Amino acid sequence: MSFFDGKTVLVTGGTGSFGKHFIKTLLTKAAPKRVVVYSRDELKQYEMQQLFRGESRLRFFLGDVRDMSRLQRALHGVNLVVHAAALKQVPAAEYNPFEAVKTNIHGAQNIIEACIDQGVERVIALSTDKASSPINLYGATKLVSDKLFVSGNAYAGGKRTRFAVVRYGNVVGSRGSVVPLFKQMLAEGASELPITDERMTRFWITLDQGVSFVMQNLEHMWGGEIFVPKIPSMKMTDLARAMSPSARIRVIGIRPGEKLHEEMINVNDARHTRDLGDRYAIIPDLEWFPSHDFGGKPVAENFAYTSDANSSWLTLDELRAMIA
């Protein structure tokens, strides 16, 4: 018996890399009553309909998270929401800041209000390591979004709707990640691969791991947590060598809004962070959250979870296996 059995689940950004994999996993491993794909791209919805041809539990809603009235209609009768819709490209957000704010911040507020109005039981929002101590607009919008979802639990008042957040690092092979770019360059005969800085490190997670993490926390959330998985780091130079040992590395310099190392929990959040074994949870420092009953071990006061100081690192062979 699965937590998701008999539930109606809506996924915003459902035609994206995460959304498609989440829905495939949900339909395979559980028995949901209905799964609603909510996104604004009709071509991607058509392609996804072909991919899941014959699946009677799927529903496709064209709509934007900026559109409150459409969200209200789509969320009618929904039990669980996974909010994956966002403008995610750092350079695009820097160049189109108002658009990123409209989708990532105003869209988050719309999700929160519509879910409360429609009596949705649980909502989990996907965040990013760039939301911790952000230095670019994308990260800043996702930090605001995280805080909105945490506070949404107080905003819900006596209603049953609860909100939580998952925050993790780069997803192997997702759209816009460096792996497809490197693969394309190598397929076209490139003899060198561009790296912005030889010291650069990143957190690394697979789609399977990301989907599993979201499903686990959606089931066990109380409401108000920001869940962070314990995942390995990798060096960008190791990734390039894993993909092509013979290719030269060309250093092109750090791009605007790019960090040398990523961070998922900063020192200021450490005072409110619990170690749950295979993950961390940043819990609200607010009177309505039952921190005394939450469990886990407090982390050290000067703790920070960064990709360069991680205790777990991927080897070249592990990177090759993940890429394959």
Protein backbone atom coordinates (compact mmCIF):
# COMPACT_ATOMS: atom_id res chain seq x y z
CA MET A 1 0.00 0.00 0.00
CA SER A 2 1.49 3.31 -1.10
CA PHE A 3 0.88 6.74 0.40
CA PHE A 4 -0.10 7.90 -3.11
CA ASP A 5 -2.73 5.22 -3.74
CA GLY A 6 -6.14 6.69 -4.49
CA LYS A 7 -4.80 10.28 -4.44
CA THR A 8 -5.11 12.93 -7.12
CA VAL A 9 -1.69 14.48 -7.74
CA LEU A 10 -0.95 17.64 -9.72
CA VAL A 11 2.54 18.45 -10.99
CA THR A 12 3.32 21.99 -12.15
CA GLY A 13 5.99 22.01 -14.82
CA GLY A 14 4.93 18.43 -15.41
CA THR A 15 6.46 18.20 -18.90
CA GLY A 16 9.98 19.02 -17.68
CA SER A 17 12.76 16.52 -16.98
CA PHE A 18 11.77 16.09 -13.34
CA GLY A 19 8.03 16.17 -13.98
CA LYS A 20 8.07 13.42 -16.59
CA HIS A 21 10.28 11.17 -14.48
CA PHE A 22 8.25 11.81 -11.34
CA ILE A 23 4.99 10.97 -13.12
CA LYS A 24 6.45 7.83 -14.71
CA THR A 25 7.68 6.66 -11.30
CA LEU A 26 4.37 7.52 -9.61
CA LEU A 27 2.31 5.62 -12.16
CA THR A 28 4.65 2.62 -12.00
CA LYS A 29 5.15 2.31 -8.24
CA ALA A 30 1.81 3.54 -6.89
CA ALA A 31 -1.88 3.56 -7.76
CA PRO A 32 -2.92 7.22 -7.86
CA LYS A 33 -6.50 8.00 -8.78
CA ARG A 34 -5.52 10.78 -11.17
CA VAL A 35 -2.34 12.63 -12.17
CA VAL A 36 -2.64 16.15 -13.55
CA VAL A 37 0.10 17.59 -15.75
CA TYR A 38 0.00 21.38 -15.49
CA SER A 39 2.27 23.29 -17.89
CA ARG A 40 2.14 26.00 -20.53
CA ASP A 41 3.78 24.28 -23.55
CA GLU A 42 1.27 22.51 -25.79
CA LEU A 43 3.96 20.78 -27.88
CA LYS A 44 5.59 19.22 -24.82
CA GLN A 45 2.18 18.13 -23.57
CA TYR A 46 1.43 16.51 -26.94
CA GLU A 47 4.80 14.71 -26.87
CA MET A 48 4.15 13.52 -23.33
CA GLN A 49 0.69 12.27 -24.31
CA GLN A 50 2.36 10.11 -26.97
CA LEU A 51 4.89 8.85 -24.44
CA PHE A 52 2.12 7.80 -22.02
CA ARG A 53 -0.39 6.74 -24.67
CA GLY A 54 -3.19 4.64 -23.21
CA GLU A 55 -2.64 5.84 -19.61
CA SER A 56 -6.18 6.68 -18.48
CA ARG A 57 -5.14 8.25 -15.17
CA LEU A 58 -3.33 11.19 -16.81
CA ARG A 59 -4.93 14.58 -17.37
CA PHE A 60 -3.28 17.48 -19.21
CA PHE A 61 -4.02 21.11 -18.26
CA LEU A 62 -2.56 23.93 -20.32
CA GLY A 63 -1.89 26.80 -17.95
CA ASP A 64 0.67 29.06 -16.35
CA VAL A 65 1.40 29.39 -12.62
CA ARG A 66 0.99 33.12 -13.17
CA ASP A 67 -2.71 32.54 -13.95
CA MET A 68 -4.62 32.30 -10.67
CA SER A 69 -8.03 31.51 -12.17
CA ARG A 70 -6.61 28.64 -14.23
CA LEU A 71 -4.81 27.26 -11.18
CA GLN A 72 -8.04 27.36 -9.17
CA ARG A 73 -9.76 25.29 -11.86
CA ALA A 74 -6.88 22.81 -12.25
CA LEU A 75 -6.55 22.25 -8.48
CA HIS A 76 -10.20 21.37 -7.92
CA GLY A 77 -10.31 17.93 -6.26
CA VAL A 78 -6.50 17.63 -6.01
CA ASN A 79 -4.95 16.05 -2.88
CA LEU A 80 -1.21 16.53 -3.47
CA VAL A 81 0.83 19.06 -5.44
CA VAL A 82 4.45 18.92 -6.59
CA HIS A 83 5.53 22.39 -7.68
CA ALA A 84 8.33 21.99 -10.22
CA ALA A 85 7.52 24.89 -12.57
CA ALA A 86 10.14 27.64 -12.64
CA LEU A 87 12.35 29.72 -14.88
CA LYS A 88 15.67 28.05 -14.08
CA GLN A 89 18.36 29.32 -16.45
CA VAL A 90 20.72 31.71 -14.64
CA PRO A 91 21.70 33.85 -17.68
CA ALA A 92 18.07 34.07 -18.87
CA ALA A 93 16.92 35.20 -15.43
CA GLU A 94 19.65 37.85 -15.29
CA TYR A 95 18.55 39.22 -18.66
CA ASN A 96 14.81 38.89 -18.00
CA PRO A 97 14.52 39.56 -14.27
CA PHE A 98 10.86 40.64 -14.21
CA GLU A 99 9.83 37.43 -15.98
CA ALA A 100 11.70 35.31 -13.42
CA VAL A 101 10.01 37.21 -10.58
CA LYS A 102 6.57 36.71 -12.15
CA THR A 103 7.01 32.95 -12.50
CA ASN A 104 9.20 32.02 -9.53
CA ILE A 105 7.78 34.40 -6.90
CA HIS A 106 4.30 35.47 -8.00
CA GLY A 107 3.71 31.96 -9.31
CA ALA A 108 4.66 30.51 -5.93
CA GLN A 109 2.22 32.84 -4.19
CA ASN A 110 -0.52 31.81 -6.62
CA ILE A 111 0.15 28.13 -5.91
CA ILE A 112 -0.02 28.71 -2.16
CA GLU A 113 -3.27 30.69 -2.25
CA ALA A 114 -4.98 28.41 -4.77
CA CYS A 115 -3.99 25.25 -2.86
CA ILE A 116 -5.42 26.67 0.37
CA ASP A 117 -8.61 27.76 -1.39
CA GLN A 118 -9.09 24.34 -3.01
CA GLY A 119 -8.30 22.33 0.13
CA VAL A 120 -5.19 20.59 -1.19
CA GLU A 121 -3.69 18.45 1.59
CA ARG A 122 0.05 18.65 0.93
CA VAL A 123 2.30 20.71 -1.34
CA ILE A 124 6.01 20.24 -1.87
CA ALA A 125 8.05 22.76 -3.88
CA LEU A 126 11.32 22.07 -5.67
CA SER A 127 14.13 24.46 -4.79
CA THR A 128 17.82 24.68 -5.69
CA ASP A 129 21.21 24.97 -4.04
CA LYS A 130 21.38 28.44 -5.61
CA ALA A 131 18.72 29.60 -3.11
CA SER A 132 21.24 29.40 -0.25
CA SER A 133 23.19 32.68 0.04
CA PRO A 134 22.13 33.61 -3.51
CA ILE A 135 24.33 35.72 -5.76
CA ASN A 136 22.17 35.59 -8.90
CA LEU A 137 18.58 36.54 -9.60
CA TYR A 138 17.43 32.96 -10.12
CA GLY A 139 18.74 31.96 -6.69
CA ALA A 140 17.21 35.06 -5.12
CA THR A 141 13.78 34.32 -6.58
CA LYS A 142 13.95 30.73 -5.34
CA LEU A 143 14.96 31.90 -1.85
CA VAL A 144 11.87 34.11 -1.77
CA SER A 145 9.80 31.20 -3.06
CA ASP A 146 11.17 28.92 -0.31
CA LYS A 147 10.23 31.44 2.35
CA LEU A 148 6.76 31.88 0.88
CA PHE A 149 6.11 28.13 1.00
CA VAL A 150 7.38 27.86 4.59
CA SER A 151 5.16 30.76 5.68
CA GLY A 152 2.27 29.32 3.70
CA ASN A 153 1.69 26.97 6.64
CA ALA A 154 0.85 29.92 8.87
CA TYR A 155 -1.12 31.59 6.10
CA ALA A 156 -3.28 28.44 5.83
CA GLY A 157 -4.40 28.98 9.43
CA GLY A 158 -6.90 26.31 10.43
CA LYS A 159 -7.13 24.91 6.89
CA ARG A 160 -5.60 21.47 6.28
CA THR A 161 -3.11 22.52 3.56
CA ARG A 162 0.57 22.03 4.46
CA PHE A 163 3.66 23.15 2.54
CA ALA A 164 7.30 21.97 2.47
CA VAL A 165 10.35 22.43 0.24
CA VAL A 166 13.06 20.14 -1.13
CA ARG A 167 16.42 21.66 -2.02
CA TYR A 168 19.08 19.78 -3.96
CA GLY A 169 21.90 20.28 -6.45
CA ASN A 170 22.52 19.72 -10.15
CA VAL A 171 20.58 16.88 -11.76
CA VAL A 172 22.56 14.60 -14.06
CA GLY A 173 21.43 14.97 -17.66
CA SER A 174 18.54 17.36 -17.03
CA ARG A 175 17.75 19.99 -19.66
CA GLY A 176 20.21 22.85 -19.44
CA SER A 177 22.82 20.85 -17.50
CA VAL A 178 26.40 20.57 -18.69
CA VAL A 179 26.28 16.83 -19.49
CA PRO A 180 24.07 17.12 -22.62
CA LEU A 181 26.21 20.07 -23.75
CA PHE A 182 29.45 18.10 -23.39
CA LYS A 183 27.89 15.07 -25.11
CA GLN A 184 26.82 17.19 -28.06
CA MET A 185 30.23 18.84 -28.34
CA LEU A 186 32.02 15.49 -28.26
CA ALA A 187 29.61 14.00 -30.81
CA GLU A 188 30.47 16.91 -33.12
CA GLY A 189 34.17 16.11 -32.79
CA ALA A 190 35.29 18.63 -30.17
CA SER A 191 38.82 18.11 -28.90
CA GLU A 192 38.41 20.38 -25.86
CA LEU A 193 35.71 21.04 -23.26
CA PRO A 194 35.03 24.42 -21.63
CA ILE A 195 35.31 24.73 -17.84
CA THR A 196 34.69 28.07 -16.17
CA ASP A 197 37.21 27.45 -13.36
CA GLU A 198 39.40 24.42 -12.59
CA ARG A 199 38.55 24.68 -8.87
CA MET A 200 34.79 24.54 -9.43
CA THR A 201 32.74 21.90 -7.54
CA ARG A 202 29.07 20.99 -7.63
CA PHE A 203 26.57 18.77 -5.80
CA TRP A 204 25.34 15.97 -8.06
CA ILE A 205 22.12 13.96 -7.98
CA THR A 206 20.35 11.65 -10.44
CA LEU A 207 16.74 12.04 -11.56
CA ASP A 208 15.87 8.78 -9.80
CA GLN A 209 17.33 10.07 -6.55
CA GLY A 210 15.57 13.43 -6.91
CA VAL A 211 12.18 11.82 -7.57
CA SER A 212 12.59 9.38 -4.69
CA PHE A 213 13.57 12.23 -2.35
CA VAL A 214 10.49 14.25 -3.27
CA MET A 215 8.16 11.28 -2.83
CA GLN A 216 9.60 10.38 0.58
CA ASN A 217 9.33 13.91 1.93
CA LEU A 218 5.87 14.47 0.51
CA GLU A 219 4.75 11.45 2.53
CA HIS A 220 6.56 12.30 5.79
CA MET A 221 6.52 16.14 5.87
CA TRP A 222 4.93 17.96 8.79
CA GLY A 223 4.82 21.33 7.04
CA GLY A 224 7.41 24.11 7.01
CA GLU A 225 10.56 22.04 6.46
CA ILE A 226 13.22 22.61 3.81
CA PHE A 227 14.60 19.12 3.18
CA VAL A 228 18.17 18.76 1.91
CA PRO A 229 19.56 15.36 0.83
CA LYS A 230 23.04 14.19 1.68
CA ILE A 231 24.49 13.78 -1.81
CA PRO A 232 28.02 13.62 -3.21
CA SER A 233 30.06 16.40 -4.77
CA MET A 234 32.13 16.31 -7.92
CA LYS A 235 34.81 18.42 -9.52
CA MET A 236 33.94 19.88 -12.90
CA THR A 237 37.36 18.89 -14.20
CA ASP A 238 36.66 15.28 -13.16
CA LEU A 239 33.35 15.39 -15.06
CA ALA A 240 35.14 16.53 -18.22
CA ARG A 241 37.77 13.79 -17.83
CA ALA A 242 35.08 11.16 -17.18
CA MET A 243 33.32 12.11 -20.40
CA SER A 244 36.48 12.32 -22.51
CA PRO A 245 39.90 11.47 -21.04
CA SER A 246 41.61 12.74 -24.19
CA ALA A 247 39.85 16.11 -24.48
CA ARG A 248 41.72 19.19 -23.38
CA ILE A 249 40.18 21.44 -20.73
CA ARG A 250 39.75 25.07 -21.75
CA VAL A 251 39.22 27.50 -18.87
CA ILE A 252 36.79 30.22 -19.94
CA GLY A 253 36.25 32.09 -16.66
CA ILE A 254 33.34 32.21 -14.22
CA ARG A 255 30.14 33.57 -15.77
CA PRO A 256 28.04 36.34 -14.19
CA GLY A 257 25.98 34.98 -11.30
CA GLU A 258 28.00 31.75 -11.04
CA LYS A 259 29.52 30.45 -7.80
CA LEU A 260 32.85 28.65 -7.48
CA HIS A 261 31.23 26.20 -5.05
CA GLU A 262 27.57 25.57 -4.32
CA GLU A 263 25.89 25.69 -0.93
CA MET A 264 22.67 24.10 0.32
CA ILE A 265 22.75 25.13 3.99
CA ASN A 266 24.50 28.27 5.19
CA VAL A 267 25.91 29.06 8.61
CA ASN A 268 22.93 31.21 9.55
CA ASP A 269 20.53 28.34 8.86
CA ALA A 270 22.61 25.91 10.93
CA ARG A 271 20.91 26.98 14.16
CA HIS A 272 17.63 25.66 12.79
CA THR A 273 18.93 22.58 10.97
CA ARG A 274 18.46 18.97 12.09
CA ASP A 275 20.47 15.97 10.91
CA LEU A 276 18.00 13.21 10.03
CA GLY A 277 20.58 10.62 8.97
CA ASP A 278 20.31 10.52 5.19
CA ARG A 279 19.15 14.15 4.92
CA TYR A 280 19.01 17.48 6.69
CA ALA A 281 15.91 19.52 7.49
CA ILE A 282 15.96 23.28 7.95
CA ILE A 283 13.00 23.87 10.24
CA PRO A 284 11.18 27.18 10.77
CA ASP A 285 12.19 29.33 13.70
CA LEU A 286 8.52 30.19 14.19
CA GLU A 287 6.18 29.60 17.11
CA TRP A 288 3.70 27.44 15.18
CA PHE A 289 6.29 24.77 14.27
CA PRO A 290 6.65 21.93 16.85
CA SER A 291 10.47 21.90 16.84
CA HIS A 292 10.63 20.08 20.19
CA ASP A 293 8.81 17.10 18.65
CA PHE A 294 10.55 17.09 15.29
CA GLY A 295 13.41 14.71 16.03
CA GLY A 296 16.89 14.48 14.51
CA LYS A 297 20.12 15.88 15.89
CA PRO A 298 21.02 19.58 15.84
CA VAL A 299 24.04 20.33 13.65
CA ALA A 300 27.05 22.30 14.89
CA GLU A 301 26.46 26.03 15.23
CA ASN A 302 29.10 26.85 12.57
CA PHE A 303 27.89 24.13 10.19
CA ALA A 304 27.54 24.83 6.46
CA TYR A 305 26.78 22.31 3.74
CA THR A 306 28.89 23.25 0.71
CA SER A 307 30.07 21.30 -2.33
CA ASP A 308 33.79 21.93 -1.68
CA ALA A 309 33.70 20.81 1.99
CA ASN A 310 31.55 17.74 1.42
CA SER A 311 32.59 14.40 2.95
CA SER A 312 31.34 12.45 -0.09
CA TRP A 313 32.95 12.73 -3.54
CA LEU A 314 32.26 11.00 -6.84
CA THR A 315 35.13 9.14 -8.48
CA LEU A 316 35.74 9.14 -12.23
CA ASP A 317 34.23 5.66 -12.50
CA GLU A 318 31.14 6.71 -10.53
CA LEU A 319 30.73 9.76 -12.77
CA ARG A 320 30.97 7.61 -15.90
CA ALA A 321 28.33 5.24 -14.52
CA MET A 322 25.95 8.11 -13.67
CA ILE A 323 26.40 9.71 -17.10
CA ALA A 324 25.78 6.39 -18.84
